[in-house]
């Protein structure tokens, strides 16, 4: 997993967390759900990249 991929996934996860918190603060369930989804997708991407790295060793 390249450093660029790690940074991109971390940024996506942070963006998702921010959206989820904003949605929660404003009682916007759609925005909250969207943020949680983005956060989950980024976390899955990170896990997949880590698994690939583990098999490369």
PDB file of N, CA and C in Angstrom:
ATOM      1  N   UNK A   1       0.864  -1.162   0.000  1.00  0.00           N
ATOM      2  CA  UNK A   1       0.000   0.000   0.000  1.00  0.00           C
ATOM      3  C   UNK A   1       0.904   1.217   0.000  1.00  0.00           C
ATOM      4  N   UNK A   2       0.742   2.037  -0.986  1.00  0.00           N
ATOM      5  CA  UNK A   2       1.566   3.230  -1.082  1.00  0.00           C
ATOM      6  C   UNK A   2       1.133   4.291  -0.093  1.00  0.00           C
ATOM      7  N   UNK A   3       2.059   5.182   0.175  1.00  0.00           N
ATOM      8  CA  UNK A   3       1.775   6.252   1.138  1.00  0.00           C
ATOM      9  C   UNK A   3       0.629   7.122   0.632  1.00  0.00           C
ATOM     10  N   UNK A   4       0.545   7.312  -0.672  1.00  0.00           N
ATOM     11  CA  UNK A   4      -0.542   8.106  -1.250  1.00  0.00           C
ATOM     12  C   UNK A   4      -1.904   7.472  -1.001  1.00  0.00           C
ATOM     13  N   UNK A   5      -1.959   6.142  -1.132  1.00  0.00           N
ATOM     14  CA  UNK A   5      -3.213   5.425  -0.873  1.00  0.00           C
ATOM     15  C   UNK A   5      -3.619   5.542   0.594  1.00  0.00           C
ATOM     16  N   UNK A   6      -2.628   5.429   1.480  1.00  0.00           N
ATOM     17  CA  UNK A   6      -2.916   5.540   2.913  1.00  0.00           C
ATOM     18  C   UNK A   6      -3.479   6.919   3.237  1.00  0.00           C
ATOM     19  N   UNK A   7      -2.869   7.939   2.665  1.00  0.00           N
ATOM     20  CA  UNK A   7      -3.325   9.308   2.921  1.00  0.00           C
ATOM     21  C   UNK A   7      -4.716   9.530   2.352  1.00  0.00           C
ATOM     22  N   UNK A   8      -4.950   9.010   1.161  1.00  0.00           N
ATOM     23  CA  UNK A   8      -6.256   9.171   0.523  1.00  0.00           C
ATOM     24  C   UNK A   8      -7.351   8.481   1.336  1.00  0.00           C
ATOM     25  N   UNK A   9      -7.075   7.258   1.792  1.00  0.00           N
ATOM     26  CA  UNK A   9      -8.063   6.525   2.589  1.00  0.00           C
ATOM     27  C   UNK A   9      -8.308   7.206   3.929  1.00  0.00           C
ATOM     28  N   UNK A  10      -7.253   7.712   4.548  1.00  0.00           N
ATOM     29  CA  UNK A  10      -7.406   8.415   5.825  1.00  0.00           C
ATOM     30  C   UNK A  10      -8.227   9.691   5.639  1.00  0.00           C
ATOM     31  N   UNK A  11      -7.996  10.385   4.528  1.00  0.00           N
ATOM     32  CA  UNK A  11      -8.759  11.608   4.248  1.00  0.00           C
ATOM     33  C   UNK A  11     -10.237  11.284   4.011  1.00  0.00           C
ATOM     34  N   UNK A  12     -10.494  10.194   3.286  1.00  0.00           N
ATOM     35  CA  UNK A  12     -11.879   9.784   3.052  1.00  0.00           C
ATOM     36  C   UNK A  12     -12.572   9.417   4.365  1.00  0.00           C
ATOM     37  N   UNK A  13     -11.833   8.742   5.236  1.00  0.00           N
ATOM     38  CA  UNK A  13     -12.411   8.356   6.519  1.00  0.00           C
ATOM     39  C   UNK A  13     -12.711   9.588   7.371  1.00  0.00           C
ATOM     40  N   UNK A  14     -11.786  10.544   7.374  1.00  0.00           N
ATOM     41  CA  UNK A  14     -11.995  11.780   8.138  1.00  0.00           C
ATOM     42  C   UNK A  14     -13.183  12.567   7.589  1.00  0.00           C
ATOM     43  N   UNK A  15     -13.300  12.585   6.266  1.00  0.00           N
ATOM     44  CA  UNK A  15     -14.420  13.281   5.626  1.00  0.00           C
ATOM     45  C   UNK A  15     -15.748  12.623   6.028  1.00  0.00           C
ATOM     46  N   UNK A  16     -15.754  11.302   6.062  1.00  0.00           N
ATOM     47  CA  UNK A  16     -16.960  10.581   6.465  1.00  0.00           C
ATOM     48  C   UNK A  16     -17.327  10.856   7.911  1.00  0.00           C
ATOM     49  N   UNK A  17     -16.315  10.882   8.785  1.00  0.00           N
ATOM     50  CA  UNK A  17     -16.574  11.187  10.199  1.00  0.00           C
ATOM     51  C   UNK A  17     -17.156  12.587  10.356  1.00  0.00           C
ATOM     52  N   UNK A  18     -16.590  13.538   9.615  1.00  0.00           N
ATOM     53  CA  UNK A  18     -17.072  14.917   9.697  1.00  0.00           C
ATOM     54  C   UNK A  18     -18.517  15.019   9.226  1.00  0.00           C
ATOM     55  N   UNK A  19     -18.834  14.340   8.132  1.00  0.00           N
ATOM     56  CA  UNK A  19     -20.212  14.359   7.624  1.00  0.00           C
ATOM     57  C   UNK A  19     -21.167  13.738   8.635  1.00  0.00           C
ATOM     58  N   UNK A  20     -20.750  12.618   9.222  1.00  0.00           N
ATOM     59  CA  UNK A  20     -21.611  11.932  10.186  1.00  0.00           C
ATOM     60  C   UNK A  20     -21.862  12.818  11.401  1.00  0.00           C
ATOM     61  N   UNK A  21     -20.829  13.473  11.894  1.00  0.00           N
ATOM     62  CA  UNK A  21     -20.991  14.341  13.061  1.00  0.00           C
ATOM     63  C   UNK A  21     -21.842  15.559  12.722  1.00  0.00           C
ATOM     64  N   UNK A  22     -21.663  16.114  11.531  1.00  0.00           N
ATOM     65  CA  UNK A  22     -22.472  17.254  11.111  1.00  0.00           C
ATOM     66  C   UNK A  22     -23.933  16.842  10.999  1.00  0.00           C
ATOM     67  N   UNK A  23     -24.168  15.685  10.403  1.00  0.00           N
ATOM     68  CA  UNK A  23     -25.532  15.180  10.276  1.00  0.00           C
ATOM     69  C   UNK A  23     -26.176  14.931  11.626  1.00  0.00           C
ATOM     70  N   UNK A  24     -25.388  14.425  12.563  1.00  0.00           N
ATOM     71  CA  UNK A  24     -25.903  14.177  13.909  1.00  0.00           C
ATOM     72  C   UNK A  24     -26.221  15.490  14.615  1.00  0.00           C
ATOM     73  N   UNK A  25     -25.344  16.471  14.467  1.00  0.00           N
ATOM     74  CA  UNK A  25     -25.540  17.761  15.138  1.00  0.00           C
ATOM     75  C   UNK A  25     -26.747  18.521  14.589  1.00  0.00           C
ATOM     76  N   UNK A  26     -27.027  18.344  13.302  1.00  0.00           N
ATOM     77  CA  UNK A  26     -28.128  19.070  12.673  1.00  0.00           C
ATOM     78  C   UNK A  26     -29.395  18.221  12.536  1.00  0.00           C
ATOM     79  N   UNK A  27     -29.370  17.031  13.104  1.00  0.00           N
ATOM     80  CA  UNK A  27     -30.486  16.078  12.992  1.00  0.00           C
ATOM     81  C   UNK A  27     -30.832  15.747  11.543  1.00  0.00           C
ATOM     82  N   UNK A  28     -29.812  15.739  10.693  1.00  0.00           N
ATOM     83  CA  UNK A  28     -29.976  15.371   9.290  1.00  0.00           C
ATOM     84  C   UNK A  28     -29.561  13.910   9.153  1.00  0.00           C
ATOM     85  N   UNK A  29     -30.529  13.011   9.200  1.00  0.00           N
ATOM     86  CA  UNK A  29     -30.244  11.574   9.171  1.00  0.00           C
ATOM     87  C   UNK A  29     -29.611  11.128   7.857  1.00  0.00           C
ATOM     88  N   UNK A  30     -30.002  11.754   6.748  1.00  0.00           N
ATOM     89  CA  UNK A  30     -29.427  11.391   5.455  1.00  0.00           C
ATOM     90  C   UNK A  30     -27.939  11.703   5.416  1.00  0.00           C
ATOM     91  N   UNK A  31     -27.566  12.892   5.881  1.00  0.00           N
ATOM     92  CA  UNK A  31     -26.159  13.295   5.895  1.00  0.00           C
ATOM     93  C   UNK A  31     -25.366  12.409   6.855  1.00  0.00           C
ATOM     94  N   UNK A  32     -25.956  12.086   7.979  1.00  0.00           N
ATOM     95  CA  UNK A  32     -25.299  11.229   8.955  1.00  0.00           C
ATOM     96  C   UNK A  32     -25.046   9.840   8.357  1.00  0.00           C
ATOM     97  N   UNK A  33     -26.039   9.282   7.704  1.00  0.00           N
ATOM     98  CA  UNK A  33     -25.900   7.963   7.091  1.00  0.00           C
ATOM     99  C   UNK A  33     -24.868   7.984   5.968  1.00  0.00           C
ATOM    100  N   UNK A  34     -24.878   9.043   5.179  1.00  0.00           N
ATOM    101  CA  UNK A  34     -23.906   9.177   4.094  1.00  0.00           C
ATOM    102  C   UNK A  34     -22.484   9.212   4.659  1.00  0.00           C
ATOM    103  N   UNK A  35     -22.298   9.962   5.722  1.00  0.00           N
ATOM    104  CA  UNK A  35     -20.982  10.053   6.348  1.00  0.00           C
ATOM    105  C   UNK A  35     -20.525   8.728   6.913  1.00  0.00           C
ATOM    106  N   UNK A  36     -21.432   8.029   7.566  1.00  0.00           N
ATOM    107  CA  UNK A  36     -21.086   6.724   8.124  1.00  0.00           C
ATOM    108  C   UNK A  36     -20.730   5.732   7.021  1.00  0.00           C
ATOM    109  N   UNK A  37     -21.432   5.811   5.903  1.00  0.00           N
ATOM    110  CA  UNK A  37     -21.132   4.937   4.771  1.00  0.00           C
ATOM    111  C   UNK A  37     -19.753   5.237   4.213  1.00  0.00           C
ATOM    112  N   UNK A  38     -19.450   6.520   4.012  1.00  0.00           N
ATOM    113  CA  UNK A  38     -18.134   6.898   3.501  1.00  0.00           C
ATOM    114  C   UNK A  38     -17.025   6.451   4.437  1.00  0.00           C
ATOM    115  N   UNK A  39     -17.259   6.593   5.727  1.00  0.00           N
ATOM    116  CA  UNK A  39     -16.272   6.178   6.724  1.00  0.00           C
ATOM    117  C   UNK A  39     -16.037   4.666   6.649  1.00  0.00           C
ATOM    118  N   UNK A  40     -17.106   3.908   6.512  1.00  0.00           N
ATOM    119  CA  UNK A  40     -16.998   2.449   6.429  1.00  0.00           C
ATOM    120  C   UNK A  40     -16.278   2.006   5.162  1.00  0.00           C
ATOM    121  N   UNK A  41     -16.586   2.640   4.054  1.00  0.00           N
ATOM    122  CA  UNK A  41     -15.944   2.290   2.791  1.00  0.00           C
ATOM    123  C   UNK A  41     -14.437   2.549   2.873  1.00  0.00           C
ATOM    124  N   UNK A  42     -14.051   3.676   3.444  1.00  0.00           N
ATOM    125  CA  UNK A  42     -12.636   3.994   3.586  1.00  0.00           C
ATOM    126  C   UNK A  42     -11.941   2.981   4.491  1.00  0.00           C
ATOM    127  N   UNK A  43     -12.602   2.593   5.569  1.00  0.00           N
ATOM    128  CA  UNK A  43     -12.018   1.611   6.481  1.00  0.00           C
ATOM    129  C   UNK A  43     -11.844   0.255   5.784  1.00  0.00           C
ATOM    130  N   UNK A  44     -12.809  -0.125   4.961  1.00  0.00           N
ATOM    131  CA  UNK A  44     -12.697  -1.384   4.216  1.00  0.00           C
ATOM    132  C   UNK A  44     -11.565  -1.332   3.206  1.00  0.00           C
ATOM    133  N   UNK A  45     -11.393  -0.187   2.555  1.00  0.00           N
ATOM    134  CA  UNK A  45     -10.283  -0.026   1.610  1.00  0.00           C
ATOM    135  C   UNK A  45      -8.949  -0.185   2.327  1.00  0.00           C
ATOM    136  N   UNK A  46      -8.832   0.418   3.504  1.00  0.00           N
ATOM    137  CA  UNK A  46      -7.601   0.313   4.275  1.00  0.00           C
ATOM    138  C   UNK A  46      -7.338  -1.140   4.672  1.00  0.00           C
ATOM    139  N   UNK A  47      -8.364  -1.830   5.095  1.00  0.00           N
ATOM    140  CA  UNK A  47      -8.214  -3.231   5.489  1.00  0.00           C
ATOM    141  C   UNK A  47      -7.790  -4.089   4.299  1.00  0.00           C
ATOM    142  N   UNK A  48      -8.371  -3.829   3.141  1.00  0.00           N
ATOM    143  CA  UNK A  48      -8.000  -4.570   1.936  1.00  0.00           C
ATOM    144  C   UNK A  48      -6.556  -4.328   1.541  1.00  0.00           C
ATOM    145  N   UNK A  49      -6.119  -3.095   1.627  1.00  0.00           N
ATOM    146  CA  UNK A  49      -4.733  -2.773   1.296  1.00  0.00           C
ATOM    147  C   UNK A  49      -3.766  -3.421   2.287  1.00  0.00           C
ATOM    148  N   UNK A  50      -4.136  -3.439   3.561  1.00  0.00           N
ATOM    149  CA  UNK A  50      -3.284  -4.078   4.574  1.00  0.00           C
ATOM    150  C   UNK A  50      -3.188  -5.566   4.326  1.00  0.00           C
ATOM    151  N   UNK A  51      -4.289  -6.187   3.913  1.00  0.00           N
ATOM    152  CA  UNK A  51      -4.286  -7.621   3.610  1.00  0.00           C
ATOM    153  C   UNK A  51      -3.381  -7.899   2.416  1.00  0.00           C
ATOM    154  N   UNK A  52      -3.449  -7.045   1.399  1.00  0.00           N
ATOM    155  CA  UNK A  52      -2.566  -7.212   0.241  1.00  0.00           C
ATOM    156  C   UNK A  52      -1.112  -7.109   0.665  1.00  0.00           C
ATOM    157  N   UNK A  53      -0.820  -6.125   1.523  1.00  0.00           N
ATOM    158  CA  UNK A  53       0.554  -5.949   1.997  1.00  0.00           C
ATOM    159  C   UNK A  53       1.033  -7.181   2.769  1.00  0.00           C
ATOM    160  N   UNK A  54       0.154  -7.774   3.554  1.00  0.00           N
ATOM    161  CA  UNK A  54       0.525  -8.942   4.347  1.00  0.00           C
ATOM    162  C   UNK A  54       0.884 -10.133   3.452  1.00  0.00           C
ATOM    163  N   UNK A  55       0.182 -10.273   2.340  1.00  0.00           N
ATOM    164  CA  UNK A  55       0.469 -11.391   1.441  1.00  0.00           C
ATOM    165  C   UNK A  55       1.721 -11.158   0.604  1.00  0.00           C
ATOM    166  N   UNK A  56       2.130  -9.920   0.468  1.00  0.00           N
ATOM    167  CA  UNK A  56       3.334  -9.604  -0.295  1.00  0.00           C
ATOM    168  C   UNK A  56       4.600 -10.014   0.452  1.00  0.00           C
ATOM    169  N   UNK A  57       4.490 -10.101   1.775  1.00  0.00           N
ATOM    170  CA  UNK A  57       5.676 -10.411   2.595  1.00  0.00           C
ATOM    171  C   UNK A  57       6.045 -11.841   2.548  1.00  0.00           C
TER     172      UNK A  57
END
